[in-house]
Amino acid sequence: MPDAENLQEVFAYYDSWLAFNQRYQRVPGVQAAVFAEDAIAFSAAYGQADVEQGAALTEQHLFRIASHSKTFTATAVLQLAEQGKLRLDDKAAMHVTEIVGTTLGERTVRDLLSHAGGVTRDSQTADFWQLGLAFPDRELLIDVLKEPDSAVLEDNDRFKYSNIGYGLLGLIVEAVSGTSYNDFVRTGIVEKLGLANLGPELDPVRTAEYAVGYSSLSYADQRVPIDHIDTGALASATGFFGTASDVVTYWSAHLPGDDRLLTDGSKRLMQHPWWKTTDAEWPKYGLGLQLWKIGETELFGHSGGYPGHITLSMVDAERRLVVTVLTNAIDGPARQLTEAAFKLLDLAESKPRESTEGLERFTGRYANLWGVMDIVQLGGRLYAIDPTSSDPAAEPTSLEPDGDALRITGGSGYGAFGETYRFVFGADGEVESVRGSSGLSHPIDTFTLPDRVRVSSFEA
């Protein structure tokens, strides 16, 4: 497990970095949580849940976590397999008799779980993703499954992501369990974990608790709100909602040695890399799980894309670490914001930890006309980091204390290697200014721009 002091330093900076990027990237709201040391170690919210109403986002607001739902569906299927009620090699038509004699009826449960069934992604009438029509109900889903062109590829030809295939898995869960999909996962997963802010489908009773979702800035100058919609028979593919803290708690049940939901054997089946998802070696897909590699660390989890919400959860089983980031924009940078936590921890652990005495007084966020620089304490060392970078740990500049200055001992050759940042401290010990090769900087809270930048606009 990670060093506790390293975790504390990483979470302290991660909090600041998330807050900065929510504002810098113009994301309406960001909610994040981290599970570490067998508990929720970090939880925070930034920005707004409802821009038009000026409602601040809280840690209790609900997000649609979309394709995270596939992990719940896979968990439900493995639970039924452990109970001897189905086999992964069962053909779909054994349980959903309406599709007997069809091509998709011959696909196995395993094929569907791993997206190897060659099933159409969303059908030819997929405008429900734009709220142009309602999500399909059971009858319409069955009609789609019967259509010959819904079998796009032969089974096990390649990985081909399919929401329709996971809709079929939801029907299988219902047929085998004798109850609705929503009731089965609510009882067998959500309530078993005691999670009050997690559920399989839009709950109209809790409408006021949902963060409003927003459109993209790629095709318009302003975002507009997007209504929440019930996902019907595709709840098993995309219906779930939750808070970041409840979502990381759910993922903690997928760590080795936790038997609340599944045996370790079933979890290994889910986490096994059954298919590459591109021509590259990574990422891969298991049974209801996405698999990635960041540096030398292998991770599992799932993303979610819902009209107005983009979300992601990543799990490092070896370090028993889970990170979930939820955003309420259809172009929200959930992947970048989630991956950053693991990359910062890798940076903190890249060298043996050193003493931190006297380092904290240098840390902070500093700005001048050219941009922003963070001086951060990670792993007992100081680094200069650009918080606007898509990867905050990609090119960190290592720093060594030298009295009231920091000597630059690393970074790109285009930087100021060998030079110093010279600090001016006030009587209270707080930083008043920093001077380096890019000129004078001030703590970002005291930095202001003039109406027009002229010669001598800034204090020399």
Protein backbone atom coordinates (compact mmCIF):
# COMPACT_ATOMS: atom_id res chain seq x y z
CA MET A 1 0.00 0.00 0.00
CA PRO A 2 1.18 3.59 -0.62
CA ASP A 3 3.03 5.50 2.07
CA ALA A 4 0.51 7.45 4.19
CA GLU A 5 2.52 10.69 3.98
CA ASN A 6 2.76 10.38 0.21
CA LEU A 7 -1.01 9.91 0.00
CA GLN A 8 -1.61 12.95 2.18
CA GLU A 9 0.60 15.13 -0.01
CA VAL A 10 -0.92 13.81 -3.23
CA PHE A 11 -4.50 14.35 -2.06
CA ALA A 12 -3.70 17.87 -0.84
CA TYR A 13 -2.36 18.85 -4.25
CA TYR A 14 -4.99 16.82 -6.16
CA ASP A 15 -7.69 18.85 -4.39
CA SER A 16 -6.07 22.12 -5.47
CA TRP A 17 -5.42 20.84 -9.00
CA LEU A 18 -9.02 19.66 -9.48
CA ALA A 19 -10.38 23.01 -8.27
CA PHE A 20 -8.08 24.83 -10.71
CA ASN A 21 -9.02 22.62 -13.67
CA GLN A 22 -12.75 22.84 -13.03
CA ARG A 23 -12.44 26.60 -13.47
CA TYR A 24 -9.71 26.60 -16.12
CA GLN A 25 -11.45 24.05 -18.37
CA ARG A 26 -14.86 25.67 -17.86
CA VAL A 27 -16.50 22.49 -16.57
CA PRO A 28 -19.78 23.32 -14.80
CA GLY A 29 -19.06 20.94 -11.94
CA VAL A 30 -16.66 18.21 -10.82
CA GLN A 31 -17.23 15.71 -8.01
CA ALA A 32 -14.41 13.38 -6.98
CA ALA A 33 -13.61 10.76 -4.36
CA VAL A 34 -10.71 8.45 -3.53
CA PHE A 35 -10.80 5.17 -1.61
CA ALA A 36 -7.44 4.42 0.04
CA GLU A 37 -6.21 2.71 3.18
CA ASP A 38 -9.55 0.83 3.30
CA ALA A 39 -11.69 3.96 3.67
CA ILE A 40 -12.82 7.03 1.77
CA ALA A 41 -9.66 9.11 2.00
CA PHE A 42 -10.74 12.07 -0.10
CA SER A 43 -14.05 13.52 -1.29
CA ALA A 44 -14.74 16.94 -2.78
CA ALA A 45 -16.95 18.91 -5.16
CA TYR A 46 -16.20 21.96 -7.26
CA GLY A 47 -18.28 24.32 -9.38
CA GLN A 48 -22.02 24.25 -9.83
CA ALA A 49 -24.77 21.65 -9.90
CA ASP A 50 -27.12 24.11 -11.64
CA VAL A 51 -25.51 27.03 -13.43
CA GLU A 52 -28.77 28.83 -14.17
CA GLN A 53 -29.84 28.72 -10.52
CA GLY A 54 -26.36 29.39 -9.19
CA ALA A 55 -26.50 26.21 -7.08
CA ALA A 56 -23.11 25.08 -5.80
CA LEU A 57 -22.19 21.46 -6.41
CA THR A 58 -21.88 19.38 -3.23
CA GLU A 59 -20.54 15.93 -2.45
CA GLN A 60 -24.15 14.74 -2.09
CA HIS A 61 -25.37 15.67 -5.58
CA LEU A 62 -26.26 12.69 -7.76
CA PHE A 63 -24.71 12.06 -11.20
CA ARG A 64 -25.77 9.70 -13.97
CA ILE A 65 -22.80 7.31 -14.18
CA ALA A 66 -24.02 5.66 -17.37
CA SER A 67 -21.83 2.77 -18.53
CA HIS A 68 -20.59 2.14 -15.02
CA SER A 69 -23.89 0.22 -15.10
CA LYS A 70 -22.23 -2.52 -17.13
CA THR A 71 -20.03 -3.39 -14.15
CA PHE A 72 -23.12 -3.83 -11.97
CA THR A 73 -24.71 -5.99 -14.65
CA ALA A 74 -21.59 -8.15 -14.93
CA THR A 75 -21.48 -8.44 -11.14
CA ALA A 76 -25.14 -9.54 -11.11
CA VAL A 77 -24.47 -12.15 -13.80
CA LEU A 78 -21.48 -13.55 -11.89
CA GLN A 79 -23.58 -13.68 -8.72
CA LEU A 80 -26.18 -15.75 -10.56
CA ALA A 81 -23.41 -17.98 -11.93
CA GLU A 82 -22.03 -18.51 -8.42
CA GLN A 83 -25.54 -19.52 -7.34
CA GLY A 84 -25.67 -22.09 -10.14
CA LYS A 85 -28.59 -20.37 -11.87
CA LEU A 86 -26.79 -19.79 -15.17
CA ARG A 87 -23.50 -20.51 -16.90
CA LEU A 88 -21.36 -18.06 -18.81
CA ASP A 89 -21.52 -20.39 -21.82
CA ASP A 90 -25.33 -20.38 -21.85
CA LYS A 91 -26.81 -19.05 -25.07
CA ALA A 92 -28.94 -15.96 -24.65
CA ALA A 93 -32.06 -17.62 -26.08
CA MET A 94 -31.97 -20.22 -23.27
CA HIS A 95 -33.20 -17.45 -20.97
CA VAL A 96 -34.84 -14.90 -23.28
CA THR A 97 -37.13 -17.15 -25.27
CA GLU A 98 -38.48 -14.39 -27.52
CA ILE A 99 -35.21 -14.47 -29.48
CA VAL A 100 -35.05 -18.26 -30.05
CA GLY A 101 -34.04 -18.87 -33.65
CA THR A 102 -32.35 -15.49 -34.10
CA THR A 103 -28.65 -14.89 -34.61
CA LEU A 104 -28.26 -12.94 -31.36
CA GLY A 105 -30.10 -15.67 -29.50
CA GLU A 106 -27.07 -17.88 -30.21
CA ARG A 107 -24.64 -15.50 -28.52
CA THR A 108 -23.37 -16.66 -25.14
CA VAL A 109 -23.53 -14.77 -21.88
CA ARG A 110 -19.72 -14.58 -21.93
CA ASP A 111 -19.77 -13.11 -25.47
CA LEU A 112 -22.15 -10.39 -24.32
CA LEU A 113 -20.23 -9.57 -21.15
CA SER A 114 -16.96 -9.09 -23.04
CA HIS A 115 -18.52 -7.26 -26.02
CA ALA A 116 -17.48 -10.10 -28.30
CA GLY A 117 -21.00 -10.87 -29.55
CA GLY A 118 -20.79 -8.66 -32.63
CA VAL A 119 -23.97 -6.86 -31.53
CA THR A 120 -25.00 -3.46 -32.90
CA ARG A 121 -23.85 -0.70 -30.60
CA ASP A 122 -27.15 1.17 -30.21
CA SER A 123 -29.27 0.15 -33.25
CA GLN A 124 -30.27 2.32 -36.20
CA THR A 125 -32.72 4.29 -34.04
CA ALA A 126 -30.35 5.59 -31.39
CA ASP A 127 -31.60 9.16 -31.12
CA PHE A 128 -32.49 8.47 -27.49
CA TRP A 129 -28.87 9.47 -26.83
CA GLN A 130 -29.85 12.98 -27.95
CA LEU A 131 -33.25 12.83 -26.21
CA GLY A 132 -34.86 12.72 -29.64
CA LEU A 133 -36.98 9.83 -28.44
CA ALA A 134 -37.39 7.67 -25.35
CA PHE A 135 -34.92 4.89 -24.54
CA PRO A 136 -36.29 1.52 -25.69
CA ASP A 137 -38.63 -0.40 -23.42
CA ARG A 138 -38.52 -4.19 -23.20
CA GLU A 139 -40.76 -4.72 -26.22
CA LEU A 140 -38.75 -2.41 -28.44
CA LEU A 141 -35.48 -3.93 -27.25
CA ILE A 142 -36.73 -7.40 -28.17
CA ASP A 143 -37.67 -6.08 -31.62
CA VAL A 144 -34.14 -4.70 -32.07
CA LEU A 145 -32.60 -8.01 -30.97
CA LYS A 146 -34.70 -9.87 -33.56
CA GLU A 147 -33.57 -7.68 -36.45
CA PRO A 148 -31.06 -9.50 -38.69
CA ASP A 149 -28.84 -6.42 -39.03
CA SER A 150 -28.44 -6.20 -35.25
CA ALA A 151 -25.86 -8.98 -35.59
CA VAL A 152 -23.15 -6.81 -37.13
CA LEU A 153 -20.23 -9.26 -36.82
CA GLU A 154 -19.65 -12.93 -36.17
CA ASP A 155 -19.22 -13.78 -32.51
CA ASN A 156 -15.67 -13.56 -31.15
CA ASP A 157 -14.42 -11.80 -34.27
CA ARG A 158 -13.21 -8.77 -32.30
CA PHE A 159 -14.15 -6.44 -29.45
CA LYS A 160 -17.23 -4.44 -30.38
CA TYR A 161 -18.83 -2.33 -27.66
CA SER A 162 -22.60 -2.73 -27.44
CA ASN A 163 -25.24 -1.13 -25.26
CA ILE A 164 -27.85 -3.33 -26.93
CA GLY A 165 -25.85 -6.41 -25.89
CA TYR A 166 -25.90 -5.24 -22.28
CA GLY A 167 -29.62 -4.57 -22.59
CA LEU A 168 -29.93 -8.27 -23.49
CA LEU A 169 -27.90 -9.17 -20.40
CA GLY A 170 -30.40 -7.20 -18.33
CA LEU A 171 -33.20 -9.32 -19.79
CA ILE A 172 -31.21 -12.46 -18.93
CA VAL A 173 -30.80 -11.29 -15.32
CA GLU A 174 -34.57 -10.76 -15.12
CA ALA A 175 -35.40 -14.16 -16.61
CA VAL A 176 -33.00 -16.05 -14.35
CA SER A 177 -33.72 -14.15 -11.13
CA GLY A 178 -37.47 -13.90 -11.55
CA THR A 179 -37.44 -10.20 -10.67
CA SER A 180 -36.78 -6.93 -12.49
CA TYR A 181 -33.21 -5.99 -13.29
CA ASN A 182 -33.48 -2.84 -11.20
CA ASP A 183 -34.76 -4.73 -8.17
CA PHE A 184 -32.14 -7.44 -8.48
CA VAL A 185 -29.13 -5.12 -8.56
CA ARG A 186 -30.63 -2.85 -5.92
CA THR A 187 -31.07 -5.76 -3.51
CA GLY A 188 -28.02 -7.82 -4.46
CA ILE A 189 -25.48 -5.02 -4.80
CA VAL A 190 -26.57 -1.57 -3.65
CA GLU A 191 -28.38 -2.51 -0.44
CA LYS A 192 -25.84 -5.21 0.37
CA LEU A 193 -23.20 -2.46 0.49
CA GLY A 194 -25.47 -0.10 2.40
CA LEU A 195 -25.19 2.70 -0.16
CA ALA A 196 -28.00 5.25 -0.04
CA ASN A 197 -26.77 7.43 -2.93
CA LEU A 198 -26.43 4.76 -5.60
CA GLY A 199 -29.15 3.27 -7.76
CA PRO A 200 -29.92 1.56 -11.09
CA GLU A 201 -32.19 4.15 -12.70
CA LEU A 202 -33.37 7.75 -12.59
CA ASP A 203 -35.32 8.23 -9.35
CA PRO A 204 -38.02 10.88 -9.96
CA VAL A 205 -38.54 11.30 -6.20
CA ARG A 206 -34.96 12.62 -5.94
CA THR A 207 -35.05 14.94 -8.96
CA ALA A 208 -33.81 17.95 -6.98
CA GLU A 209 -30.70 16.00 -5.90
CA TYR A 210 -29.33 15.43 -9.42
CA ALA A 211 -26.65 17.66 -10.85
CA VAL A 212 -27.90 19.29 -14.04
CA GLY A 213 -26.12 17.99 -17.14
CA TYR A 214 -24.82 20.34 -19.82
CA SER A 215 -24.03 20.33 -23.54
CA SER A 216 -20.60 20.79 -25.11
CA LEU A 217 -18.62 23.91 -25.97
CA SER A 218 -17.36 22.26 -29.17
CA TYR A 219 -20.39 23.36 -31.21
CA ALA A 220 -21.63 26.42 -29.30
CA ASP A 221 -20.32 29.35 -27.30
CA GLN A 222 -22.43 28.48 -24.28
CA ARG A 223 -23.56 25.27 -22.62
CA VAL A 224 -27.28 24.53 -22.29
CA PRO A 225 -28.91 22.23 -19.74
CA ILE A 226 -29.99 18.72 -20.74
CA ASP A 227 -32.95 17.00 -19.08
CA HIS A 228 -32.50 13.71 -17.29
CA ILE A 229 -34.27 10.76 -18.91
CA ASP A 230 -35.17 7.23 -17.85
CA THR A 231 -33.09 4.63 -19.73
CA GLY A 232 -35.83 1.98 -19.93
CA ALA A 233 -34.66 -1.48 -20.95
CA LEU A 234 -31.08 -0.19 -21.31
CA ALA A 235 -30.73 0.48 -17.58
CA SER A 236 -28.40 -2.53 -17.46
CA ALA A 237 -26.13 -0.70 -19.92
CA THR A 238 -26.41 2.89 -18.80
CA GLY A 239 -29.02 3.61 -16.10
CA PHE A 240 -27.10 3.93 -12.83
CA PHE A 241 -26.71 7.09 -10.77
CA GLY A 242 -24.49 7.79 -7.77
CA THR A 243 -22.19 10.09 -5.86
CA ALA A 244 -18.44 9.78 -6.19
CA SER A 245 -18.07 8.57 -2.59
CA ASP A 246 -20.69 5.83 -3.01
CA VAL A 247 -19.20 4.80 -6.34
CA VAL A 248 -15.68 4.34 -4.91
CA THR A 249 -17.18 2.37 -2.03
CA TYR A 250 -18.87 0.08 -4.57
CA TRP A 251 -15.56 -0.42 -6.38
CA SER A 252 -13.83 -1.26 -3.12
CA ALA A 253 -15.94 -4.43 -3.04
CA HIS A 254 -14.08 -5.54 -6.19
CA LEU A 255 -10.72 -5.53 -4.41
CA PRO A 256 -9.12 -8.90 -3.55
CA GLY A 257 -10.25 -10.43 -0.28
CA ASP A 258 -13.60 -8.63 -0.18
CA ASP A 259 -16.42 -11.19 -0.40
CA ARG A 260 -19.42 -8.89 -0.02
CA LEU A 261 -20.43 -9.20 -3.67
CA LEU A 262 -18.34 -11.91 -5.34
CA THR A 263 -15.67 -14.48 -4.68
CA ASP A 264 -12.13 -13.63 -5.70
CA GLY A 265 -12.43 -16.24 -8.45
CA SER A 266 -15.36 -14.41 -10.06
CA LYS A 267 -13.57 -11.09 -9.70
CA ARG A 268 -10.55 -12.53 -11.48
CA LEU A 269 -12.84 -13.59 -14.35
CA MET A 270 -14.21 -10.05 -14.61
CA GLN A 271 -10.75 -8.46 -14.41
CA HIS A 272 -9.07 -10.80 -16.89
CA PRO A 273 -8.06 -8.99 -20.13
CA TRP A 274 -10.18 -10.93 -22.60
CA TRP A 275 -9.93 -8.49 -25.52
CA LYS A 276 -7.75 -5.64 -26.76
CA THR A 277 -10.03 -2.73 -27.64
CA THR A 278 -7.73 -1.23 -30.31
CA ASP A 279 -4.74 -2.37 -32.34
CA ALA A 280 -2.48 -1.24 -29.49
CA GLU A 281 -1.62 -3.53 -26.58
CA TRP A 282 -3.66 -1.39 -24.16
CA PRO A 283 -6.44 -0.69 -23.25
CA LYS A 284 -8.29 -3.98 -22.90
CA TYR A 285 -11.69 -5.24 -21.76
CA GLY A 286 -12.68 -7.95 -19.32
CA LEU A 287 -16.19 -9.04 -18.34
CA GLY A 288 -17.96 -5.73 -17.79
CA LEU A 289 -14.70 -3.98 -16.95
CA GLN A 290 -12.36 -1.68 -18.83
CA LEU A 291 -8.66 -2.32 -18.27
CA TRP A 292 -5.86 0.23 -18.66
CA LYS A 293 -2.19 0.69 -18.00
CA ILE A 294 -0.71 3.95 -16.66
CA GLY A 295 3.05 3.72 -16.55
CA GLU A 296 3.70 0.28 -15.09
CA THR A 297 0.40 0.18 -13.18
CA GLU A 298 -2.49 -1.96 -14.42
CA LEU A 299 -5.94 -0.62 -13.57
CA PHE A 300 -9.54 -1.69 -14.01
CA GLY A 301 -12.82 0.19 -13.81
CA HIS A 302 -15.27 1.82 -16.20
CA SER A 303 -16.20 5.09 -17.82
CA GLY A 304 -19.67 6.50 -18.32
CA GLY A 305 -21.12 8.80 -20.96
CA TYR A 306 -24.67 10.08 -20.45
CA PRO A 307 -26.27 13.13 -22.11
CA GLY A 308 -24.73 15.83 -19.94
CA HIS A 309 -22.53 13.69 -17.69
CA ILE A 310 -19.09 12.15 -18.32
CA THR A 311 -17.66 9.97 -15.55
CA LEU A 312 -14.82 7.55 -14.84
CA SER A 313 -13.65 5.19 -12.11
CA MET A 314 -10.22 3.54 -11.97
CA VAL A 315 -9.04 0.87 -9.54
CA ASP A 316 -5.47 -0.06 -8.64
CA ALA A 317 -5.92 -3.44 -6.97
CA GLU A 318 -2.28 -3.73 -5.89
CA ARG A 319 -2.30 -0.41 -4.05
CA ARG A 320 -5.97 -0.87 -3.02
CA LEU A 321 -6.74 2.54 -4.46
CA VAL A 322 -9.92 3.68 -6.21
CA VAL A 323 -10.47 7.07 -7.88
CA THR A 324 -13.81 8.28 -9.24
CA VAL A 325 -14.42 11.59 -11.02
CA LEU A 326 -17.89 12.72 -12.10
CA THR A 327 -18.49 15.74 -14.37
CA ASN A 328 -21.79 17.33 -15.43
CA ALA A 329 -20.87 18.20 -19.02
CA ILE A 330 -21.18 16.04 -22.12
CA ASP A 331 -17.52 16.84 -22.89
CA GLY A 332 -16.30 16.70 -19.29
CA PRO A 333 -12.58 15.73 -18.96
CA ALA A 334 -13.24 12.86 -16.54
CA ARG A 335 -10.40 10.73 -17.91
CA GLN A 336 -7.75 13.41 -17.54
CA LEU A 337 -8.97 14.32 -14.05
CA THR A 338 -9.05 10.69 -12.89
CA GLU A 339 -5.72 9.62 -14.35
CA ALA A 340 -3.99 12.60 -12.73
CA ALA A 341 -4.41 11.10 -9.26
CA PHE A 342 -2.47 7.96 -10.24
CA LYS A 343 0.19 9.92 -12.11
CA LEU A 344 0.78 12.23 -9.15
CA LEU A 345 1.10 9.24 -6.84
CA ASP A 346 3.58 7.65 -9.23
CA LEU A 347 5.61 10.87 -9.13
CA ALA A 348 5.50 10.94 -5.32
CA GLU A 349 6.72 7.34 -5.21
CA SER A 350 9.34 7.69 -7.97
CA LYS A 351 12.17 8.28 -5.47
CA PRO A 352 12.79 7.39 -1.82
CA ARG A 353 10.98 9.77 0.46
CA GLU A 354 13.01 12.60 2.01
CA SER A 355 12.51 14.92 4.99
CA THR A 356 9.93 17.64 4.41
CA GLU A 357 11.18 20.06 7.06
CA GLY A 358 11.05 23.65 5.83
CA LEU A 359 9.59 22.82 2.41
CA GLU A 360 5.96 23.75 2.95
CA ARG A 361 6.66 27.50 3.10
CA PHE A 362 7.56 27.48 -0.60
CA THR A 363 4.45 25.66 -1.82
CA GLY A 364 1.63 27.45 -3.56
CA ARG A 365 0.21 28.62 -6.88
CA TYR A 366 1.97 31.58 -8.48
CA ALA A 367 0.96 33.65 -11.50
CA ASN A 368 2.36 36.21 -13.90
CA LEU A 369 1.31 37.37 -17.37
CA TRP A 370 2.58 34.15 -18.95
CA GLY A 371 0.60 31.76 -16.82
CA VAL A 372 0.54 29.80 -13.60
CA MET A 373 3.11 27.68 -11.79
CA ASP A 374 2.44 25.35 -8.87
CA ILE A 375 5.20 24.57 -6.41
CA VAL A 376 4.19 21.26 -4.91
CA GLN A 377 5.48 18.95 -2.20
CA LEU A 378 5.27 15.30 -3.29
CA GLY A 379 7.20 12.39 -1.83
CA GLY A 380 9.10 14.76 0.43
CA ARG A 381 10.41 16.74 -2.56
CA LEU A 382 9.51 19.99 -4.25
CA TYR A 383 8.44 20.22 -7.87
CA ALA A 384 7.31 23.04 -10.15
CA ILE A 385 4.25 21.86 -12.06
CA ASP A 386 2.13 23.49 -14.76
CA PRO A 387 -1.48 22.96 -13.58
CA THR A 388 -2.80 23.65 -17.10
CA SER A 389 -0.97 20.60 -18.48
CA SER A 390 -3.13 17.63 -19.43
CA ASP A 391 -0.72 15.52 -17.36
CA PRO A 392 0.51 17.37 -14.26
CA ALA A 393 3.25 14.80 -13.68
CA ALA A 394 4.55 14.64 -17.27
CA GLU A 395 7.38 17.18 -17.03
CA PRO A 396 7.80 18.14 -13.38
CA THR A 397 10.70 20.44 -12.60
CA SER A 398 12.59 19.27 -9.51
CA LEU A 399 13.66 21.93 -7.03
CA GLU A 400 16.15 22.03 -4.15
CA PRO A 401 15.95 24.54 -1.26
CA ASP A 402 18.78 27.06 -0.97
CA GLY A 403 18.01 29.51 1.83
CA ASP A 404 15.07 31.65 0.70
CA ALA A 405 15.43 30.35 -2.85
CA LEU A 406 14.79 27.16 -4.76
CA ARG A 407 17.42 25.92 -7.19
CA ILE A 408 16.09 24.30 -10.36
CA THR A 409 17.65 20.84 -10.61
CA GLY A 410 15.51 19.20 -13.26
CA GLY A 411 13.06 19.72 -16.08
CA SER A 412 13.35 20.47 -19.77
CA GLY A 413 16.45 22.07 -21.21
CA TYR A 414 14.17 24.80 -22.53
CA GLY A 415 13.52 25.73 -18.93
CA ALA A 416 15.80 27.36 -16.38
CA PHE A 417 17.92 24.43 -15.23
CA GLY A 418 20.58 25.57 -12.75
CA GLU A 419 18.87 28.88 -12.04
CA THR A 420 16.80 29.82 -8.98
CA TYR A 421 13.40 30.98 -7.89
CA ARG A 422 13.98 33.71 -5.31
CA PHE A 423 11.23 34.17 -2.75
CA VAL A 424 10.23 37.22 -0.74
CA PHE A 425 8.43 36.35 2.47
CA GLY A 426 6.30 38.72 4.53
CA ALA A 427 6.48 39.21 8.29
CA ASP A 428 3.82 36.51 8.68
CA GLY A 429 5.96 34.02 6.74
CA GLU A 430 3.65 34.02 3.71
CA VAL A 431 5.09 34.34 0.21
CA GLU A 432 4.75 37.84 -1.22
CA SER A 433 6.51 37.25 -4.54
CA VAL A 434 8.73 34.86 -6.50
CA ARG A 435 11.31 35.95 -9.05
CA GLY A 436 12.71 33.60 -11.66
CA SER A 437 13.86 33.59 -15.27
CA SER A 438 10.30 34.31 -16.46
CA GLY A 439 10.09 37.42 -14.31
CA LEU A 440 8.17 38.29 -11.19
CA SER A 441 5.24 36.15 -10.02
CA HIS A 442 2.79 36.58 -7.16
CA PRO A 443 0.54 34.18 -5.27
CA ILE A 444 -2.47 33.70 -7.52
CA ASP A 445 -4.84 35.08 -4.88
CA THR A 446 -3.06 38.45 -5.01
CA PHE A 447 -2.35 38.52 -8.76
CA THR A 448 -4.48 40.95 -10.78
CA LEU A 449 -4.50 42.06 -14.41
CA PRO A 450 -4.80 45.70 -15.45
CA ASP A 451 -7.46 46.79 -17.95
CA ARG A 452 -4.72 46.82 -20.57
CA VAL A 453 -1.18 45.51 -20.33
CA ARG A 454 1.30 48.35 -20.89
CA VAL A 455 4.96 48.91 -20.10
CA SER A 456 5.34 48.87 -16.30
CA SER A 457 1.81 47.49 -15.81
CA PHE A 458 3.22 45.02 -13.31
CA GLU A 459 5.25 45.75 -10.24
CA ALA A 460 8.96 45.29 -10.86
